[in-house]
Amino acid sequence: ALVIGFALQQLWEATAAAIHRRLVVAAVALPVLLLPVYWSRNVRWIEIAELSSETFAAVQRVVREHPDVDRLVFRDDRRTRRSFADAYDELLPNAVRLAAGREIRTDIIAPGEDHAQGVVIALRDRKVVIE
């Protein structure tokens, strides 16, 4: 960044004052023109961020409704990008601890996979539900 800043300063000083105005207009217009590119690039991450916040709220609700819960089972649907594994991966236990305020065992299982006892949080029709 320092090298580029230095190079731009040298370029600025080497150009005529009449060109400075055009450069300033271009510097302001370019980021505005690139907004659609930034938005399209970020869209793919929005669904995972939304899933993350929905899951956080579901864990808080489970802890309120079942204060003695000691295990949460996340039934995941990996056919889409919107999955617990994509949103959390190895950090799921940390996210659950943050949402619950205490340590709770967590497992991610596939649809139809059997699980031992525990409250199940599932993805159904792209929504987070408590089973």
C-alpha atoms as a PDB file:
ATOM      1  CA  ALA A   1       0.000   0.000   0.000  1.00  0.00           C
ATOM      2  CA  LEU A   2       2.870   2.369   0.791  1.00  0.00           C
ATOM      3  CA  VAL A   3       4.573   1.645  -2.514  1.00  0.00           C
ATOM      4  CA  ILE A   4       1.344   2.181  -4.457  1.00  0.00           C
ATOM      5  CA  GLY A   5       0.674   5.377  -2.508  1.00  0.00           C
ATOM      6  CA  PHE A   6       4.145   6.625  -3.331  1.00  0.00           C
ATOM      7  CA  ALA A   7       3.721   5.711  -7.015  1.00  0.00           C
ATOM      8  CA  LEU A   8       0.366   7.498  -7.183  1.00  0.00           C
ATOM      9  CA  GLN A   9       1.837  10.574  -5.532  1.00  0.00           C
ATOM     10  CA  GLN A  10       4.652  10.625  -8.095  1.00  0.00           C
ATOM     11  CA  LEU A  11       2.129  10.229 -10.920  1.00  0.00           C
ATOM     12  CA  TRP A  12       0.011  13.046  -9.461  1.00  0.00           C
ATOM     13  CA  GLU A  13       2.955  15.401  -9.246  1.00  0.00           C
ATOM     14  CA  ALA A  14       4.041  14.544 -12.792  1.00  0.00           C
ATOM     15  CA  THR A  15       0.662  15.329 -14.372  1.00  0.00           C
ATOM     16  CA  ALA A  16      -0.657  18.749 -15.282  1.00  0.00           C
ATOM     17  CA  ALA A  17      -3.096  20.528 -12.988  1.00  0.00           C
ATOM     18  CA  ALA A  18      -5.818  20.311 -15.658  1.00  0.00           C
ATOM     19  CA  ILE A  19      -5.699  16.512 -15.505  1.00  0.00           C
ATOM     20  CA  HIS A  20      -6.026  16.456 -11.694  1.00  0.00           C
ATOM     21  CA  ARG A  21      -9.729  17.247 -11.863  1.00  0.00           C
ATOM     22  CA  ARG A  22     -10.369  14.303 -14.236  1.00  0.00           C
ATOM     23  CA  LEU A  23      -8.376  11.981 -11.988  1.00  0.00           C
ATOM     24  CA  VAL A  24     -10.402  13.032  -8.930  1.00  0.00           C
ATOM     25  CA  VAL A  25     -13.676  12.459 -10.813  1.00  0.00           C
ATOM     26  CA  ALA A  26     -12.440   9.034 -11.940  1.00  0.00           C
ATOM     27  CA  ALA A  27     -11.347   8.163  -8.379  1.00  0.00           C
ATOM     28  CA  VAL A  28     -14.826   8.985  -7.075  1.00  0.00           C
ATOM     29  CA  ALA A  29     -16.769   7.411  -9.952  1.00  0.00           C
ATOM     30  CA  LEU A  30     -14.862   4.123 -10.149  1.00  0.00           C
ATOM     31  CA  PRO A  31     -15.956   2.733  -6.740  1.00  0.00           C
ATOM     32  CA  VAL A  32     -19.557   3.768  -7.456  1.00  0.00           C
ATOM     33  CA  LEU A  33     -19.458   2.015 -10.828  1.00  0.00           C
ATOM     34  CA  LEU A  34     -18.025  -1.109  -9.193  1.00  0.00           C
ATOM     35  CA  LEU A  35     -20.817  -1.376  -6.572  1.00  0.00           C
ATOM     36  CA  PRO A  36     -22.720  -4.053  -8.560  1.00  0.00           C
ATOM     37  CA  VAL A  37     -19.548  -6.145  -8.668  1.00  0.00           C
ATOM     38  CA  TYR A  38     -19.085  -5.842  -4.897  1.00  0.00           C
ATOM     39  CA  TRP A  39     -22.740  -6.709  -4.245  1.00  0.00           C
ATOM     40  CA  SER A  40     -22.712  -9.742  -6.536  1.00  0.00           C
ATOM     41  CA  ARG A  41     -19.515 -10.961  -4.902  1.00  0.00           C
ATOM     42  CA  ASN A  42     -21.052 -10.694  -1.421  1.00  0.00           C
ATOM     43  CA  VAL A  43     -24.410 -12.334  -2.213  1.00  0.00           C
ATOM     44  CA  ARG A  44     -22.961 -15.823  -1.886  1.00  0.00           C
ATOM     45  CA  TRP A  45     -21.947 -15.107   1.719  1.00  0.00           C
ATOM     46  CA  ILE A  46     -25.256 -13.578   2.804  1.00  0.00           C
ATOM     47  CA  GLU A  47     -27.115 -16.895   2.981  1.00  0.00           C
ATOM     48  CA  ILE A  48     -24.453 -18.362   5.270  1.00  0.00           C
ATOM     49  CA  ALA A  49     -24.506 -15.258   7.484  1.00  0.00           C
ATOM     50  CA  GLU A  50     -28.304 -15.464   7.730  1.00  0.00           C
ATOM     51  CA  LEU A  51     -28.097 -19.161   8.616  1.00  0.00           C
ATOM     52  CA  SER A  52     -25.543 -18.356  11.275  1.00  0.00           C
ATOM     53  CA  SER A  53     -27.780 -15.765  12.967  1.00  0.00           C
ATOM     54  CA  GLU A  54     -30.863 -18.009  12.704  1.00  0.00           C
ATOM     55  CA  THR A  55     -28.925 -20.880  14.278  1.00  0.00           C
ATOM     56  CA  PHE A  56     -27.672 -18.627  17.059  1.00  0.00           C
ATOM     57  CA  ALA A  57     -31.278 -17.608  17.845  1.00  0.00           C
ATOM     58  CA  ALA A  58     -32.430 -21.248  17.743  1.00  0.00           C
ATOM     59  CA  VAL A  59     -29.740 -22.294  20.235  1.00  0.00           C
ATOM     60  CA  GLN A  60     -30.760 -19.477  22.569  1.00  0.00           C
ATOM     61  CA  ARG A  61     -34.410 -20.574  22.303  1.00  0.00           C
ATOM     62  CA  VAL A  62     -33.528 -24.217  23.035  1.00  0.00           C
ATOM     63  CA  VAL A  63     -31.563 -23.198  26.122  1.00  0.00           C
ATOM     64  CA  ARG A  64     -34.493 -21.082  27.361  1.00  0.00           C
ATOM     65  CA  GLU A  65     -37.051 -23.845  26.752  1.00  0.00           C
ATOM     66  CA  HIS A  66     -34.827 -26.763  27.849  1.00  0.00           C
ATOM     67  CA  PRO A  67     -32.446 -25.379  30.490  1.00  0.00           C
ATOM     68  CA  ASP A  68     -31.044 -28.846  31.244  1.00  0.00           C
ATOM     69  CA  VAL A  69     -30.122 -29.676  27.624  1.00  0.00           C
ATOM     70  CA  ASP A  70     -26.674 -31.252  27.437  1.00  0.00           C
ATOM     71  CA  ARG A  71     -26.511 -32.146  23.732  1.00  0.00           C
ATOM     72  CA  LEU A  72     -27.557 -30.447  20.507  1.00  0.00           C
ATOM     73  CA  VAL A  73     -27.767 -32.409  17.275  1.00  0.00           C
ATOM     74  CA  PHE A  74     -27.690 -30.383  14.069  1.00  0.00           C
ATOM     75  CA  ARG A  75     -29.367 -32.195  11.180  1.00  0.00           C
ATOM     76  CA  ASP A  76     -27.570 -30.753   8.182  1.00  0.00           C
ATOM     77  CA  ASP A  77     -28.488 -30.637   4.510  1.00  0.00           C
ATOM     78  CA  ARG A  78     -25.259 -30.499   2.531  1.00  0.00           C
ATOM     79  CA  ARG A  79     -26.949 -30.436  -0.875  1.00  0.00           C
ATOM     80  CA  THR A  80     -26.902 -26.644  -0.733  1.00  0.00           C
ATOM     81  CA  ARG A  81     -24.338 -24.070   0.274  1.00  0.00           C
ATOM     82  CA  ARG A  82     -26.619 -23.072   3.154  1.00  0.00           C
ATOM     83  CA  SER A  83     -25.529 -25.737   5.635  1.00  0.00           C
ATOM     84  CA  PHE A  84     -24.378 -25.881   9.232  1.00  0.00           C
ATOM     85  CA  ALA A  85     -21.059 -27.325   8.078  1.00  0.00           C
ATOM     86  CA  ASP A  86     -20.464 -24.409   5.691  1.00  0.00           C
ATOM     87  CA  ALA A  87     -21.519 -21.830   8.264  1.00  0.00           C
ATOM     88  CA  TYR A  88     -19.634 -23.230  11.267  1.00  0.00           C
ATOM     89  CA  ASP A  89     -17.561 -26.340  10.494  1.00  0.00           C
ATOM     90  CA  GLU A  90     -15.246 -26.948  13.473  1.00  0.00           C
ATOM     91  CA  LEU A  91     -16.367 -23.763  15.238  1.00  0.00           C
ATOM     92  CA  LEU A  92     -19.904 -25.025  15.976  1.00  0.00           C
ATOM     93  CA  PRO A  93     -19.099 -25.914  19.618  1.00  0.00           C
ATOM     94  CA  ASN A  94     -17.694 -22.405  20.139  1.00  0.00           C
ATOM     95  CA  ALA A  95     -20.774 -20.789  18.586  1.00  0.00           C
ATOM     96  CA  VAL A  96     -23.083 -22.909  20.750  1.00  0.00           C
ATOM     97  CA  ARG A  97     -21.096 -21.995  23.875  1.00  0.00           C
ATOM     98  CA  LEU A  98     -21.382 -18.319  22.953  1.00  0.00           C
ATOM     99  CA  ALA A  99     -25.138 -18.539  22.270  1.00  0.00           C
ATOM    100  CA  ALA A 100     -25.953 -20.751  25.259  1.00  0.00           C
ATOM    101  CA  GLY A 101     -23.590 -19.202  27.747  1.00  0.00           C
ATOM    102  CA  ARG A 102     -22.279 -22.645  28.694  1.00  0.00           C
ATOM    103  CA  GLU A 103     -20.720 -25.770  27.225  1.00  0.00           C
ATOM    104  CA  ILE A 104     -23.136 -28.082  25.351  1.00  0.00           C
ATOM    105  CA  ARG A 105     -22.067 -31.101  23.305  1.00  0.00           C
ATOM    106  CA  THR A 106     -22.771 -30.694  19.590  1.00  0.00           C
ATOM    107  CA  ASP A 107     -22.940 -33.025  16.621  1.00  0.00           C
ATOM    108  CA  ILE A 108     -23.709 -32.430  12.956  1.00  0.00           C
ATOM    109  CA  ILE A 109     -25.495 -35.310  11.230  1.00  0.00           C
ATOM    110  CA  ALA A 110     -26.883 -35.877   7.746  1.00  0.00           C
ATOM    111  CA  PRO A 111     -30.642 -36.098   7.055  1.00  0.00           C
ATOM    112  CA  GLY A 112     -31.950 -39.546   7.919  1.00  0.00           C
ATOM    113  CA  GLU A 113     -28.908 -40.366  10.024  1.00  0.00           C
ATOM    114  CA  ASP A 114     -29.714 -41.777  13.436  1.00  0.00           C
ATOM    115  CA  HIS A 115     -28.744 -39.874  16.531  1.00  0.00           C
ATOM    116  CA  ALA A 116     -28.637 -40.462  20.252  1.00  0.00           C
ATOM    117  CA  GLN A 117     -30.643 -38.319  22.628  1.00  0.00           C
ATOM    118  CA  GLY A 118     -30.451 -34.573  22.401  1.00  0.00           C
ATOM    119  CA  VAL A 119     -32.408 -31.666  21.031  1.00  0.00           C
ATOM    120  CA  VAL A 120     -32.349 -31.602  17.229  1.00  0.00           C
ATOM    121  CA  ILE A 121     -31.925 -28.366  15.302  1.00  0.00           C
ATOM    122  CA  ALA A 122     -32.541 -29.014  11.615  1.00  0.00           C
ATOM    123  CA  LEU A 123     -32.587 -27.321   8.249  1.00  0.00           C
ATOM    124  CA  ARG A 124     -35.990 -27.814   6.683  1.00  0.00           C
ATOM    125  CA  ASP A 125     -36.966 -25.945   3.521  1.00  0.00           C
ATOM    126  CA  ARG A 126     -33.957 -23.675   4.037  1.00  0.00           C
ATOM    127  CA  LYS A 127     -35.193 -22.680   7.517  1.00  0.00           C
ATOM    128  CA  VAL A 128     -33.755 -23.493  10.917  1.00  0.00           C
ATOM    129  CA  VAL A 129     -36.271 -25.478  12.975  1.00  0.00           C
ATOM    130  CA  ILE A 130     -36.196 -27.152  16.367  1.00  0.00           C
ATOM    131  CA  GLU A 131     -37.489 -30.709  16.250  1.00  0.00           C
END
